[in-house]
């Protein structure tokens, strides 16, 4: 499994669908990357375990919270879940775009 590349990820939050572009570069059991969305860009890093990726992201908009991501990559698709702090969970889906 290789998650390397550019991804378009949609998170179905209680405030509606949010789209984030993610650029991922794996190295062994870790990865680094960058997210870009209408709310800004952020460097990210996380863990790789087989076909699963996990990482967290601190956001300030619409309010400060830590998002915890867990995603499974299968070919050119990604599915998973985002823990939205005290606001529960939101499913995510992604597709490789480059």
PDB file of N, CA and C in Angstrom:
ATOM      1  N   UNK A   1       0.850  -1.182   0.000  1.00  0.00           N
ATOM      2  CA  UNK A   1       0.000   0.000   0.000  1.00  0.00           C
ATOM      3  C   UNK A   1       0.886   1.233   0.000  1.00  0.00           C
ATOM      4  N   UNK A   2       0.575   2.136  -0.875  1.00  0.00           N
ATOM      5  CA  UNK A   2       1.271   3.414  -0.858  1.00  0.00           C
ATOM      6  C   UNK A   2       0.255   4.535  -0.827  1.00  0.00           C
ATOM      7  N   UNK A   3       0.351   5.355   0.189  1.00  0.00           N
ATOM      8  CA  UNK A   3      -0.552   6.500   0.303  1.00  0.00           C
ATOM      9  C   UNK A   3       0.082   7.750  -0.290  1.00  0.00           C
ATOM     10  N   UNK A   4       1.302   7.607  -0.839  1.00  0.00           N
ATOM     11  CA  UNK A   4       1.993   8.767  -1.388  1.00  0.00           C
ATOM     12  C   UNK A   4       1.173   9.433  -2.484  1.00  0.00           C
ATOM     13  N   UNK A   5       1.187  10.752  -2.473  1.00  0.00           N
ATOM     14  CA  UNK A   5       0.524  11.506  -3.528  1.00  0.00           C
ATOM     15  C   UNK A   5      -0.402  12.569  -2.984  1.00  0.00           C
ATOM     16  N   UNK A   6      -1.186  13.116  -3.897  1.00  0.00           N
ATOM     17  CA  UNK A   6      -2.147  14.162  -3.553  1.00  0.00           C
ATOM     18  C   UNK A   6      -3.538  13.554  -3.473  1.00  0.00           C
ATOM     19  N   UNK A   7      -4.282  13.959  -2.453  1.00  0.00           N
ATOM     20  CA  UNK A   7      -5.612  13.422  -2.181  1.00  0.00           C
ATOM     21  C   UNK A   7      -6.619  14.548  -2.014  1.00  0.00           C
ATOM     22  N   UNK A   8      -7.832  14.314  -2.470  1.00  0.00           N
ATOM     23  CA  UNK A   8      -8.955  15.203  -2.189  1.00  0.00           C
ATOM     24  C   UNK A   8      -9.824  14.457  -1.184  1.00  0.00           C
ATOM     25  N   UNK A   9      -9.920  14.999   0.034  1.00  0.00           N
ATOM     26  CA  UNK A   9     -10.620  14.338   1.126  1.00  0.00           C
ATOM     27  C   UNK A   9     -11.846  15.168   1.510  1.00  0.00           C
ATOM     28  N   UNK A  10     -12.999  14.497   1.610  1.00  0.00           N
ATOM     29  CA  UNK A  10     -14.227  15.154   2.033  1.00  0.00           C
ATOM     30  C   UNK A  10     -14.629  14.608   3.399  1.00  0.00           C
ATOM     31  N   UNK A  11     -14.838  15.528   4.345  1.00  0.00           N
ATOM     32  CA  UNK A  11     -15.244  15.179   5.706  1.00  0.00           C
ATOM     33  C   UNK A  11     -16.678  15.654   5.886  1.00  0.00           C
ATOM     34  N   UNK A  12     -17.580  14.743   6.235  1.00  0.00           N
ATOM     35  CA  UNK A  12     -18.987  15.093   6.417  1.00  0.00           C
ATOM     36  C   UNK A  12     -19.240  15.499   7.859  1.00  0.00           C
ATOM     37  N   UNK A  13     -19.013  16.786   8.149  1.00  0.00           N
ATOM     38  CA  UNK A  13     -19.140  17.318   9.509  1.00  0.00           C
ATOM     39  C   UNK A  13     -20.578  17.743   9.800  1.00  0.00           C
ATOM     40  N   UNK A  14     -20.891  17.980  11.071  1.00  0.00           N
ATOM     41  CA  UNK A  14     -22.217  18.492  11.407  1.00  0.00           C
ATOM     42  C   UNK A  14     -22.513  19.848  10.745  1.00  0.00           C
ATOM     43  N   UNK A  15     -21.461  20.577  10.336  1.00  0.00           N
ATOM     44  CA  UNK A  15     -21.635  21.865   9.674  1.00  0.00           C
ATOM     45  C   UNK A  15     -21.654  21.723   8.153  1.00  0.00           C
ATOM     46  N   UNK A  16     -21.758  20.485   7.663  1.00  0.00           N
ATOM     47  CA  UNK A  16     -21.755  20.240   6.225  1.00  0.00           C
ATOM     48  C   UNK A  16     -20.431  19.656   5.766  1.00  0.00           C
ATOM     49  N   UNK A  17     -20.394  19.264   4.506  1.00  0.00           N
ATOM     50  CA  UNK A  17     -19.196  18.643   3.938  1.00  0.00           C
ATOM     51  C   UNK A  17     -18.064  19.655   3.843  1.00  0.00           C
ATOM     52  N   UNK A  18     -16.883  19.256   4.284  1.00  0.00           N
ATOM     53  CA  UNK A  18     -15.681  20.082   4.207  1.00  0.00           C
ATOM     54  C   UNK A  18     -14.662  19.335   3.348  1.00  0.00           C
ATOM     55  N   UNK A  19     -14.092  20.017   2.354  1.00  0.00           N
ATOM     56  CA  UNK A  19     -13.117  19.397   1.468  1.00  0.00           C
ATOM     57  C   UNK A  19     -11.721  19.909   1.790  1.00  0.00           C
ATOM     58  N   UNK A  20     -10.779  18.968   1.869  1.00  0.00           N
ATOM     59  CA  UNK A  20      -9.390  19.270   2.193  1.00  0.00           C
ATOM     60  C   UNK A  20      -8.506  18.561   1.178  1.00  0.00           C
ATOM     61  N   UNK A  21      -7.522  19.261   0.627  1.00  0.00           N
ATOM     62  CA  UNK A  21      -6.515  18.616  -0.207  1.00  0.00           C
ATOM     63  C   UNK A  21      -5.340  18.254   0.681  1.00  0.00           C
ATOM     64  N   UNK A  22      -4.874  17.012   0.551  1.00  0.00           N
ATOM     65  CA  UNK A  22      -3.793  16.503   1.391  1.00  0.00           C
ATOM     66  C   UNK A  22      -2.692  15.962   0.497  1.00  0.00           C
ATOM     67  N   UNK A  23      -1.458  16.365   0.755  1.00  0.00           N
ATOM     68  CA  UNK A  23      -0.286  15.857   0.043  1.00  0.00           C
ATOM     69  C   UNK A  23       0.482  14.990   1.027  1.00  0.00           C
ATOM     70  N   UNK A  24       0.664  13.696   0.699  1.00  0.00           N
ATOM     71  CA  UNK A  24       1.245  12.724   1.629  1.00  0.00           C
ATOM     72  C   UNK A  24       2.530  12.138   1.057  1.00  0.00           C
ATOM     73  N   UNK A  25       3.557  12.034   1.918  1.00  0.00           N
ATOM     74  CA  UNK A  25       4.807  11.349   1.574  1.00  0.00           C
ATOM     75  C   UNK A  25       5.140  10.401   2.722  1.00  0.00           C
ATOM     76  N   UNK A  26       5.076   9.085   2.450  1.00  0.00           N
ATOM     77  CA  UNK A  26       5.360   8.099   3.483  1.00  0.00           C
ATOM     78  C   UNK A  26       6.855   7.795   3.550  1.00  0.00           C
ATOM     79  N   UNK A  27       7.279   7.359   4.737  1.00  0.00           N
ATOM     80  CA  UNK A  27       8.653   6.924   4.953  1.00  0.00           C
ATOM     81  C   UNK A  27       8.614   5.879   6.058  1.00  0.00           C
ATOM     82  N   UNK A  28       8.597   4.595   5.667  1.00  0.00           N
ATOM     83  CA  UNK A  28       8.518   3.530   6.660  1.00  0.00           C
ATOM     84  C   UNK A  28       7.175   3.559   7.364  1.00  0.00           C
ATOM     85  N   UNK A  29       7.213   3.691   8.702  1.00  0.00           N
ATOM     86  CA  UNK A  29       5.966   3.673   9.466  1.00  0.00           C
ATOM     87  C   UNK A  29       5.473   5.070   9.842  1.00  0.00           C
ATOM     88  N   UNK A  30       5.968   6.101   9.125  1.00  0.00           N
ATOM     89  CA  UNK A  30       5.503   7.466   9.357  1.00  0.00           C
ATOM     90  C   UNK A  30       5.219   8.154   8.022  1.00  0.00           C
ATOM     91  N   UNK A  31       4.535   9.293   8.104  1.00  0.00           N
ATOM     92  CA  UNK A  31       4.350  10.111   6.911  1.00  0.00           C
ATOM     93  C   UNK A  31       4.360  11.581   7.297  1.00  0.00           C
ATOM     94  N   UNK A  32       4.661  12.405   6.318  1.00  0.00           N
ATOM     95  CA  UNK A  32       4.565  13.852   6.466  1.00  0.00           C
ATOM     96  C   UNK A  32       3.721  14.365   5.312  1.00  0.00           C
ATOM     97  N   UNK A  33       3.206  15.555   5.484  1.00  0.00           N
ATOM     98  CA  UNK A  33       2.402  16.114   4.418  1.00  0.00           C
ATOM     99  C   UNK A  33       1.918  17.501   4.738  1.00  0.00           C
ATOM    100  N   UNK A  34       0.999  17.959   3.900  1.00  0.00           N
ATOM    101  CA  UNK A  34       0.437  19.285   4.048  1.00  0.00           C
ATOM    102  C   UNK A  34      -1.032  19.223   3.669  1.00  0.00           C
ATOM    103  N   UNK A  35      -1.862  19.898   4.458  1.00  0.00           N
ATOM    104  CA  UNK A  35      -3.278  20.005   4.126  1.00  0.00           C
ATOM    105  C   UNK A  35      -3.566  21.427   3.670  1.00  0.00           C
ATOM    106  N   UNK A  36      -4.502  21.540   2.724  1.00  0.00           N
ATOM    107  CA  UNK A  36      -4.942  22.853   2.264  1.00  0.00           C
ATOM    108  C   UNK A  36      -6.448  22.832   2.145  1.00  0.00           C
ATOM    109  N   UNK A  37      -7.071  23.860   2.728  1.00  0.00           N
ATOM    110  CA  UNK A  37      -8.522  23.979   2.686  1.00  0.00           C
ATOM    111  C   UNK A  37      -8.875  25.463   2.658  1.00  0.00           C
ATOM    112  N   UNK A  38     -10.155  25.771   2.505  1.00  0.00           N
ATOM    113  CA  UNK A  38     -10.544  27.184   2.557  1.00  0.00           C
ATOM    114  C   UNK A  38     -10.169  27.854   3.879  1.00  0.00           C
ATOM    115  N   UNK A  39      -9.928  27.064   4.927  1.00  0.00           N
ATOM    116  CA  UNK A  39      -9.564  27.628   6.226  1.00  0.00           C
ATOM    117  C   UNK A  39      -8.059  27.779   6.400  1.00  0.00           C
ATOM    118  N   UNK A  40      -7.271  27.453   5.358  1.00  0.00           N
ATOM    119  CA  UNK A  40      -5.823  27.617   5.437  1.00  0.00           C
ATOM    120  C   UNK A  40      -5.080  26.323   5.199  1.00  0.00           C
ATOM    121  N   UNK A  41      -3.772  26.388   5.371  1.00  0.00           N
ATOM    122  CA  UNK A  41      -2.930  25.205   5.166  1.00  0.00           C
ATOM    123  C   UNK A  41      -2.199  24.872   6.460  1.00  0.00           C
ATOM    124  N   UNK A  42      -1.798  23.602   6.557  1.00  0.00           N
ATOM    125  CA  UNK A  42      -1.137  23.141   7.775  1.00  0.00           C
ATOM    126  C   UNK A  42      -0.250  21.950   7.442  1.00  0.00           C
ATOM    127  N   UNK A  43       0.940  21.920   8.012  1.00  0.00           N
ATOM    128  CA  UNK A  43       1.805  20.747   7.907  1.00  0.00           C
ATOM    129  C   UNK A  43       1.267  19.679   8.838  1.00  0.00           C
ATOM    130  N   UNK A  44       1.316  18.422   8.382  1.00  0.00           N
ATOM    131  CA  UNK A  44       0.856  17.306   9.198  1.00  0.00           C
ATOM    132  C   UNK A  44       1.905  16.202   9.186  1.00  0.00           C
ATOM    133  N   UNK A  45       1.865  15.370  10.212  1.00  0.00           N
ATOM    134  CA  UNK A  45       2.688  14.166  10.253  1.00  0.00           C
ATOM    135  C   UNK A  45       1.906  13.128  11.037  1.00  0.00           C
ATOM    136  N   UNK A  46       2.149  11.873  10.690  1.00  0.00           N
ATOM    137  CA  UNK A  46       1.406  10.823  11.362  1.00  0.00           C
ATOM    138  C   UNK A  46       2.064   9.478  11.207  1.00  0.00           C
ATOM    139  N   UNK A  47       1.286   8.443  11.525  1.00  0.00           N
ATOM    140  CA  UNK A  47       1.783   7.074  11.525  1.00  0.00           C
ATOM    141  C   UNK A  47       1.157   6.269  10.389  1.00  0.00           C
ATOM    142  N   UNK A  48       1.927   5.321   9.886  1.00  0.00           N
ATOM    143  CA  UNK A  48       1.484   4.371   8.871  1.00  0.00           C
ATOM    144  C   UNK A  48       1.535   2.992   9.496  1.00  0.00           C
ATOM    145  N   UNK A  49       0.437   2.244   9.414  1.00  0.00           N
ATOM    146  CA  UNK A  49       0.379   0.874   9.910  1.00  0.00           C
ATOM    147  C   UNK A  49      -0.314   0.036   8.851  1.00  0.00           C
ATOM    148  N   UNK A  50       0.478  -0.562   7.954  1.00  0.00           N
ATOM    149  CA  UNK A  50      -0.100  -1.315   6.838  1.00  0.00           C
ATOM    150  C   UNK A  50      -0.827  -0.363   5.898  1.00  0.00           C
ATOM    151  N   UNK A  51      -2.149  -0.528   5.781  1.00  0.00           N
ATOM    152  CA  UNK A  51      -2.930   0.355   4.909  1.00  0.00           C
ATOM    153  C   UNK A  51      -3.641   1.459   5.685  1.00  0.00           C
ATOM    154  N   UNK A  52      -3.286   1.632   6.980  1.00  0.00           N
ATOM    155  CA  UNK A  52      -3.947   2.643   7.814  1.00  0.00           C
ATOM    156  C   UNK A  52      -3.026   3.822   8.105  1.00  0.00           C
ATOM    157  N   UNK A  53      -3.625   5.012   8.066  1.00  0.00           N
ATOM    158  CA  UNK A  53      -2.935   6.245   8.416  1.00  0.00           C
ATOM    159  C   UNK A  53      -3.636   6.858   9.616  1.00  0.00           C
ATOM    160  N   UNK A  54      -2.875   7.379  10.565  1.00  0.00           N
ATOM    161  CA  UNK A  54      -3.457   8.111  11.696  1.00  0.00           C
ATOM    162  C   UNK A  54      -2.652   9.390  11.903  1.00  0.00           C
ATOM    163  N   UNK A  55      -3.380  10.480  12.198  1.00  0.00           N
ATOM    164  CA  UNK A  55      -2.746  11.753  12.488  1.00  0.00           C
ATOM    165  C   UNK A  55      -3.739  12.671  13.188  1.00  0.00           C
ATOM    166  N   UNK A  56      -3.221  13.738  13.755  1.00  0.00           N
ATOM    167  CA  UNK A  56      -4.096  14.727  14.382  1.00  0.00           C
ATOM    168  C   UNK A  56      -3.757  16.100  13.832  1.00  0.00           C
ATOM    169  N   UNK A  57      -4.726  16.994  13.953  1.00  0.00           N
ATOM    170  CA  UNK A  57      -4.579  18.341  13.430  1.00  0.00           C
ATOM    171  C   UNK A  57      -5.268  19.307  14.384  1.00  0.00           C
ATOM    172  N   UNK A  58      -4.578  20.368  14.743  1.00  0.00           N
ATOM    173  CA  UNK A  58      -5.179  21.394  15.589  1.00  0.00           C
ATOM    174  C   UNK A  58      -5.734  22.495  14.702  1.00  0.00           C
ATOM    175  N   UNK A  59      -7.019  22.821  14.896  1.00  0.00           N
ATOM    176  CA  UNK A  59      -7.635  23.875  14.115  1.00  0.00           C
ATOM    177  C   UNK A  59      -8.101  24.993  15.044  1.00  0.00           C
ATOM    178  N   UNK A  60      -8.326  26.163  14.475  1.00  0.00           N
ATOM    179  CA  UNK A  60      -8.829  27.300  15.243  1.00  0.00           C
ATOM    180  C   UNK A  60     -10.147  27.816  14.691  1.00  0.00           C
ATOM    181  N   UNK A  61     -10.530  27.361  13.471  1.00  0.00           N
ATOM    182  CA  UNK A  61     -11.738  27.848  12.833  1.00  0.00           C
ATOM    183  C   UNK A  61     -12.631  26.671  12.489  1.00  0.00           C
ATOM    184  N   UNK A  62     -13.879  26.577  12.855  1.00  0.00           N
ATOM    185  CA  UNK A  62     -14.689  27.641  13.437  1.00  0.00           C
ATOM    186  C   UNK A  62     -14.444  27.846  14.928  1.00  0.00           C
ATOM    187  N   UNK A  63     -13.746  26.899  15.578  1.00  0.00           N
ATOM    188  CA  UNK A  63     -13.377  27.064  16.984  1.00  0.00           C
ATOM    189  C   UNK A  63     -12.160  26.187  17.248  1.00  0.00           C
ATOM    190  N   UNK A  64     -11.376  26.506  18.281  1.00  0.00           N
ATOM    191  CA  UNK A  64     -10.189  25.688  18.560  1.00  0.00           C
ATOM    192  C   UNK A  64     -10.573  24.264  18.966  1.00  0.00           C
ATOM    193  N   UNK A  65      -9.963  23.290  18.301  1.00  0.00           N
ATOM    194  CA  UNK A  65     -10.131  21.887  18.685  1.00  0.00           C
ATOM    195  C   UNK A  65      -9.079  21.051  17.981  1.00  0.00           C
ATOM    196  N   UNK A  66      -8.885  19.839  18.492  1.00  0.00           N
ATOM    197  CA  UNK A  66      -7.982  18.878  17.874  1.00  0.00           C
ATOM    198  C   UNK A  66      -8.807  17.850  17.132  1.00  0.00           C
ATOM    199  N   UNK A  67      -8.501  17.671  15.858  1.00  0.00           N
ATOM    200  CA  UNK A  67      -9.155  16.653  15.035  1.00  0.00           C
ATOM    201  C   UNK A  67      -8.236  15.438  14.994  1.00  0.00           C
ATOM    202  N   UNK A  68      -8.809  14.253  15.213  1.00  0.00           N
ATOM    203  CA  UNK A  68      -8.028  13.015  15.167  1.00  0.00           C
ATOM    204  C   UNK A  68      -8.514  12.183  13.988  1.00  0.00           C
ATOM    205  N   UNK A  69      -7.614  11.935  13.034  1.00  0.00           N
ATOM    206  CA  UNK A  69      -7.935  11.243  11.800  1.00  0.00           C
ATOM    207  C   UNK A  69      -7.487   9.787  11.838  1.00  0.00           C
ATOM    208  N   UNK A  70      -8.301   8.916  11.266  1.00  0.00           N
ATOM    209  CA  UNK A  70      -7.929   7.527  11.020  1.00  0.00           C
ATOM    210  C   UNK A  70      -8.480   7.172   9.641  1.00  0.00           C
ATOM    211  N   UNK A  71      -7.598   6.766   8.738  1.00  0.00           N
ATOM    212  CA  UNK A  71      -8.022   6.485   7.370  1.00  0.00           C
ATOM    213  C   UNK A  71      -7.373   5.205   6.861  1.00  0.00           C
ATOM    214  N   UNK A  72      -8.121   4.485   6.036  1.00  0.00           N
ATOM    215  CA  UNK A  72      -7.620   3.276   5.388  1.00  0.00           C
ATOM    216  C   UNK A  72      -7.518   3.551   3.899  1.00  0.00           C
ATOM    217  N   UNK A  73      -6.351   3.261   3.327  1.00  0.00           N
ATOM    218  CA  UNK A  73      -6.116   3.474   1.903  1.00  0.00           C
ATOM    219  C   UNK A  73      -6.259   2.148   1.171  1.00  0.00           C
ATOM    220  N   UNK A  74      -7.021   2.183   0.078  1.00  0.00           N
ATOM    221  CA  UNK A  74      -7.183   1.014  -0.789  1.00  0.00           C
ATOM    222  C   UNK A  74      -7.072   1.500  -2.228  1.00  0.00           C
ATOM    223  N   UNK A  75      -5.903   1.275  -2.836  1.00  0.00           N
ATOM    224  CA  UNK A  75      -5.691   1.757  -4.200  1.00  0.00           C
ATOM    225  C   UNK A  75      -5.728   3.274  -4.232  1.00  0.00           C
ATOM    226  N   UNK A  76      -6.682   3.819  -5.003  1.00  0.00           N
ATOM    227  CA  UNK A  76      -6.798   5.268  -5.137  1.00  0.00           C
ATOM    228  C   UNK A  76      -7.944   5.849  -4.316  1.00  0.00           C
ATOM    229  N   UNK A  77      -8.400   5.104  -3.297  1.00  0.00           N
ATOM    230  CA  UNK A  77      -9.461   5.619  -2.429  1.00  0.00           C
ATOM    231  C   UNK A  77      -9.020   5.561  -0.967  1.00  0.00           C
ATOM    232  N   UNK A  78      -9.652   6.395  -0.170  1.00  0.00           N
ATOM    233  CA  UNK A  78      -9.368   6.477   1.255  1.00  0.00           C
ATOM    234  C   UNK A  78     -10.716   6.598   1.974  1.00  0.00           C
ATOM    235  N   UNK A  79     -10.902   5.832   3.039  1.00  0.00           N
ATOM    236  CA  UNK A  79     -12.101   5.948   3.860  1.00  0.00           C
ATOM    237  C   UNK A  79     -11.665   5.977   5.313  1.00  0.00           C
ATOM    238  N   UNK A  80     -12.492   6.594   6.148  1.00  0.00           N
ATOM    239  CA  UNK A  80     -12.119   6.635   7.545  1.00  0.00           C
ATOM    240  C   UNK A  80     -13.036   7.493   8.376  1.00  0.00           C
ATOM    241  N   UNK A  81     -12.472   7.986   9.472  1.00  0.00           N
ATOM    242  CA  UNK A  81     -13.233   8.698  10.480  1.00  0.00           C
ATOM    243  C   UNK A  81     -12.382   9.819  11.061  1.00  0.00           C
ATOM    244  N   UNK A  82     -13.064  10.911  11.442  1.00  0.00           N
ATOM    245  CA  UNK A  82     -12.412  12.017  12.125  1.00  0.00           C
ATOM    246  C   UNK A  82     -13.133  12.249  13.446  1.00  0.00           C
ATOM    247  N   UNK A  83     -12.384  12.228  14.551  1.00  0.00           N
ATOM    248  CA  UNK A  83     -12.959  12.595  15.846  1.00  0.00           C
ATOM    249  C   UNK A  83     -12.902  14.108  15.950  1.00  0.00           C
ATOM    250  N   UNK A  84     -14.076  14.716  16.168  1.00  0.00           N
ATOM    251  CA  UNK A  84     -14.203  16.170  16.178  1.00  0.00           C
ATOM    252  C   UNK A  84     -14.255  16.709  17.606  1.00  0.00           C
ATOM    253  N   UNK A  85     -13.253  16.398  18.394  1.00  0.00           N
ATOM    254  CA  UNK A  85     -13.240  16.861  19.773  1.00  0.00           C
ATOM    255  C   UNK A  85     -14.500  16.421  20.493  1.00  0.00           C
ATOM    256  N   UNK A  86     -15.199  17.364  21.133  1.00  0.00           N
ATOM    257  CA  UNK A  86     -16.419  17.066  21.881  1.00  0.00           C
ATOM    258  C   UNK A  86     -17.641  16.923  20.984  1.00  0.00           C
ATOM    259  N   UNK A  87     -17.456  17.073  19.661  1.00  0.00           N
ATOM    260  CA  UNK A  87     -18.590  17.064  18.737  1.00  0.00           C
ATOM    261  C   UNK A  87     -18.793  15.733  18.032  1.00  0.00           C
ATOM    262  N   UNK A  88     -18.210  14.660  18.544  1.00  0.00           N
ATOM    263  CA  UNK A  88     -18.442  13.337  17.979  1.00  0.00           C
ATOM    264  C   UNK A  88     -17.514  13.012  16.826  1.00  0.00           C
ATOM    265  N   UNK A  89     -18.027  12.203  15.911  1.00  0.00           N
ATOM    266  CA  UNK A  89     -17.240  11.694  14.796  1.00  0.00           C
ATOM    267  C   UNK A  89     -17.839  12.119  13.471  1.00  0.00           C
ATOM    268  N   UNK A  90     -16.987  12.151  12.441  1.00  0.00           N
ATOM    269  CA  UNK A  90     -17.446  12.455  11.096  1.00  0.00           C
ATOM    270  C   UNK A  90     -16.745  11.518  10.129  1.00  0.00           C
ATOM    271  N   UNK A  91     -17.486  10.918   9.186  1.00  0.00           N
ATOM    272  CA  UNK A  91     -16.844  10.042   8.216  1.00  0.00           C
ATOM    273  C   UNK A  91     -16.042  10.860   7.195  1.00  0.00           C
ATOM    274  N   UNK A  92     -15.008  10.238   6.668  1.00  0.00           N
ATOM    275  CA  UNK A  92     -14.238  10.878   5.599  1.00  0.00           C
ATOM    276  C   UNK A  92     -14.103   9.913   4.430  1.00  0.00           C
ATOM    277  N   UNK A  93     -14.037  10.497   3.237  1.00  0.00           N
ATOM    278  CA  UNK A  93     -13.774   9.750   2.009  1.00  0.00           C
ATOM    279  C   UNK A  93     -12.787  10.559   1.200  1.00  0.00           C
ATOM    280  N   UNK A  94     -11.872   9.861   0.558  1.00  0.00           N
ATOM    281  CA  UNK A  94     -10.891  10.560  -0.251  1.00  0.00           C
ATOM    282  C   UNK A  94     -10.595   9.837  -1.538  1.00  0.00           C
ATOM    283  N   UNK A  95     -10.085  10.607  -2.500  1.00  0.00           N
ATOM    284  CA  UNK A  95      -9.644  10.022  -3.767  1.00  0.00           C
ATOM    285  C   UNK A  95      -8.313  10.624  -4.141  1.00  0.00           C
ATOM    286  N   UNK A  96      -7.450   9.774  -4.695  1.00  0.00           N
ATOM    287  CA  UNK A  96      -6.134  10.245  -5.124  1.00  0.00           C
ATOM    288  C   UNK A  96      -6.317  11.120  -6.359  1.00  0.00           C
ATOM    289  N   UNK A  97      -5.710  12.302  -6.344  1.00  0.00           N
ATOM    290  CA  UNK A  97      -5.830  13.217  -7.475  1.00  0.00           C
ATOM    291  C   UNK A  97      -4.486  13.497  -8.122  1.00  0.00           C
ATOM    292  N   UNK A  98      -3.452  12.843  -7.657  1.00  0.00           N
ATOM    293  CA  UNK A  98      -2.142  13.052  -8.272  1.00  0.00           C
ATOM    294  C   UNK A  98      -1.048  12.340  -7.549  1.00  0.00           C
TER     295      UNK A  98
END
